[in-house]
Every structure is written in structure tokens, then in C-alpha cells.
């Protein structure tokens, strides 16, 4: 009997990108990757590797990031966070969503 392999990736590439962007923003807010990892209750190498795209971002991290950022998981996964311009890439969700300046 063959076993079916179940994928452990449960977020799309786009959702993972939004989480990575949020991780970078939160790193700026909290100072260092180690400080951010401590706030998220993850090992600092896990957070850093996820943020840099060297590791898959899992749904459990999305929940922790949303909780720390005090936003809904939907806002995080859809890319509506940050609600102001991102210091990393300059992206402004309000302008992209047509909400003005």
C-alpha cells in the first residue's frame, strides 16, 4: 500500500510574500531579528530564514505575525498590511487599494 504524501505548504506564494513583507516591517519596529523572534516565540534562525525566503512560511507563523501586528489574518494574507508605506519596499496598501493618500 502506498502512502500519499501530504503537502506541508498551506499558504500560496503570494500569501507567503505578504507575511515576509510583514516580518521585515516588524523587524524594523522591534529592532532585530532576535527581538522579533522572541516576540513571535520562534527561534531567530526560523524567523530570519522565513523572512529571507530560505524557508517556507507556515500558517502557524501567519497567525502569530497577525497577532503581534494587531491585525486580522485576512489583512495579513491579502497584503493589506502595512496600512501605511512599508519602510522596506515603499509599498503603500492604501494607494494600491484606491483609498487615497
Protein backbone atom coordinates (compact mmCIF):
# COMPACT_ATOMS: atom_id res chain seq x y z
CA UNK A 1 0.00 0.00 0.00
CA UNK A 2 1.47 3.35 -1.00
CA UNK A 3 1.19 6.36 1.22
CA UNK A 4 0.01 9.66 -0.14
CA UNK A 5 2.37 12.47 0.58
CA UNK A 6 0.56 15.40 2.15
CA UNK A 7 1.94 18.81 1.34
CA UNK A 8 3.02 20.85 4.33
CA UNK A 9 2.73 24.08 2.35
CA UNK A 10 -0.63 25.53 3.13
CA UNK A 11 -0.09 29.13 2.05
CA UNK A 12 0.24 30.38 -1.51
CA UNK A 13 3.46 32.00 -2.68
CA UNK A 14 1.69 35.36 -2.69
CA UNK A 15 0.48 34.91 0.90
CA UNK A 16 3.98 33.93 1.96
CA UNK A 17 5.33 37.07 0.30
CA UNK A 18 2.88 39.21 2.27
CA UNK A 19 3.98 37.56 5.50
CA UNK A 20 7.64 38.07 4.60
CA UNK A 21 6.97 41.77 3.99
CA UNK A 22 5.24 41.98 7.37
CA UNK A 23 8.19 40.24 9.04
CA UNK A 24 10.56 42.84 7.61
CA UNK A 25 8.34 45.67 8.80
CA UNK A 26 8.03 44.15 12.27
CA UNK A 27 11.78 43.67 12.43
CA UNK A 28 12.19 47.41 11.91
CA UNK A 29 9.62 48.02 14.64
CA UNK A 30 11.17 45.64 17.19
CA UNK A 31 14.83 46.27 16.38
CA UNK A 32 16.45 42.94 15.50
CA UNK A 33 15.52 39.55 14.11
CA UNK A 34 16.28 38.07 17.52
CA UNK A 35 13.91 40.50 19.25
CA UNK A 36 11.19 39.80 16.71
CA UNK A 37 11.69 36.04 17.02
CA UNK A 38 11.37 36.33 20.78
CA UNK A 39 8.08 38.22 20.39
CA UNK A 40 6.78 35.57 17.97
CA UNK A 41 8.08 32.72 20.18
CA UNK A 42 10.19 31.24 17.39
CA UNK A 43 13.89 30.55 17.06
CA UNK A 44 15.59 33.55 15.48
CA UNK A 45 17.01 31.45 12.62
CA UNK A 46 13.49 30.26 11.75
CA UNK A 47 12.16 33.82 11.53
CA UNK A 48 15.17 35.07 9.60
CA UNK A 49 15.08 32.17 7.12
CA UNK A 50 11.34 32.63 6.54
CA UNK A 51 11.72 36.37 6.05
CA UNK A 52 14.55 35.93 3.56
CA UNK A 53 12.71 33.26 1.61
CA UNK A 54 15.05 30.42 2.54
CA UNK A 55 12.26 28.59 4.34
CA UNK A 56 8.54 28.11 3.71
CA UNK A 57 6.28 30.30 5.81
CA UNK A 58 3.69 28.16 7.56
CA UNK A 59 0.17 29.12 8.62
CA UNK A 60 1.10 29.00 12.30
CA UNK A 61 3.58 31.82 11.73
CA UNK A 62 0.90 33.82 9.91
CA UNK A 63 -1.32 33.67 12.99
CA UNK A 64 1.49 34.79 15.28
CA UNK A 65 2.53 37.62 12.95
CA UNK A 66 -1.06 38.85 12.67
CA UNK A 67 -1.49 38.74 16.44
CA UNK A 68 1.76 40.64 17.02
CA UNK A 69 0.87 43.24 14.37
CA UNK A 70 -2.65 43.51 15.87
CA UNK A 71 -4.33 42.88 12.54
CA UNK A 72 -6.55 40.13 11.18
CA UNK A 73 -5.03 37.14 9.42
CA UNK A 74 -7.04 38.15 6.35
CA UNK A 75 -5.40 41.60 6.29
CA UNK A 76 -2.00 39.95 6.54
CA UNK A 77 -2.55 37.27 3.90
CA UNK A 78 -4.16 39.67 1.43
CA UNK A 79 -1.28 42.15 1.66
CA UNK A 80 -3.27 44.96 3.26
CA UNK A 81 -0.62 45.26 5.98
CA UNK A 82 1.10 47.61 6.44
CA UNK A 83 -1.65 50.14 6.09
CA UNK A 84 0.99 52.80 5.52
CA UNK A 85 4.05 52.71 3.32
CA UNK A 86 6.47 49.90 4.02
CA UNK A 87 9.94 51.06 5.05
CA UNK A 88 11.42 48.05 3.25
CA UNK A 89 9.92 48.39 -0.21
CA UNK A 90 7.87 51.62 -0.19
CA UNK A 91 4.63 49.75 -0.94
CA UNK A 92 1.55 51.68 0.19
CA UNK A 93 -1.52 49.45 0.56
CA UNK A 94 -3.89 52.41 0.78
CA UNK A 95 -2.84 53.67 -2.66
CA UNK A 96 -2.98 50.18 -4.15
CA UNK A 97 -6.49 49.70 -2.81
CA UNK A 98 -7.61 53.10 -4.13
CA UNK A 99 -8.12 54.59 -0.67
CA UNK A 100 -6.33 57.83 -1.40
CA UNK A 101 -3.14 59.17 0.10
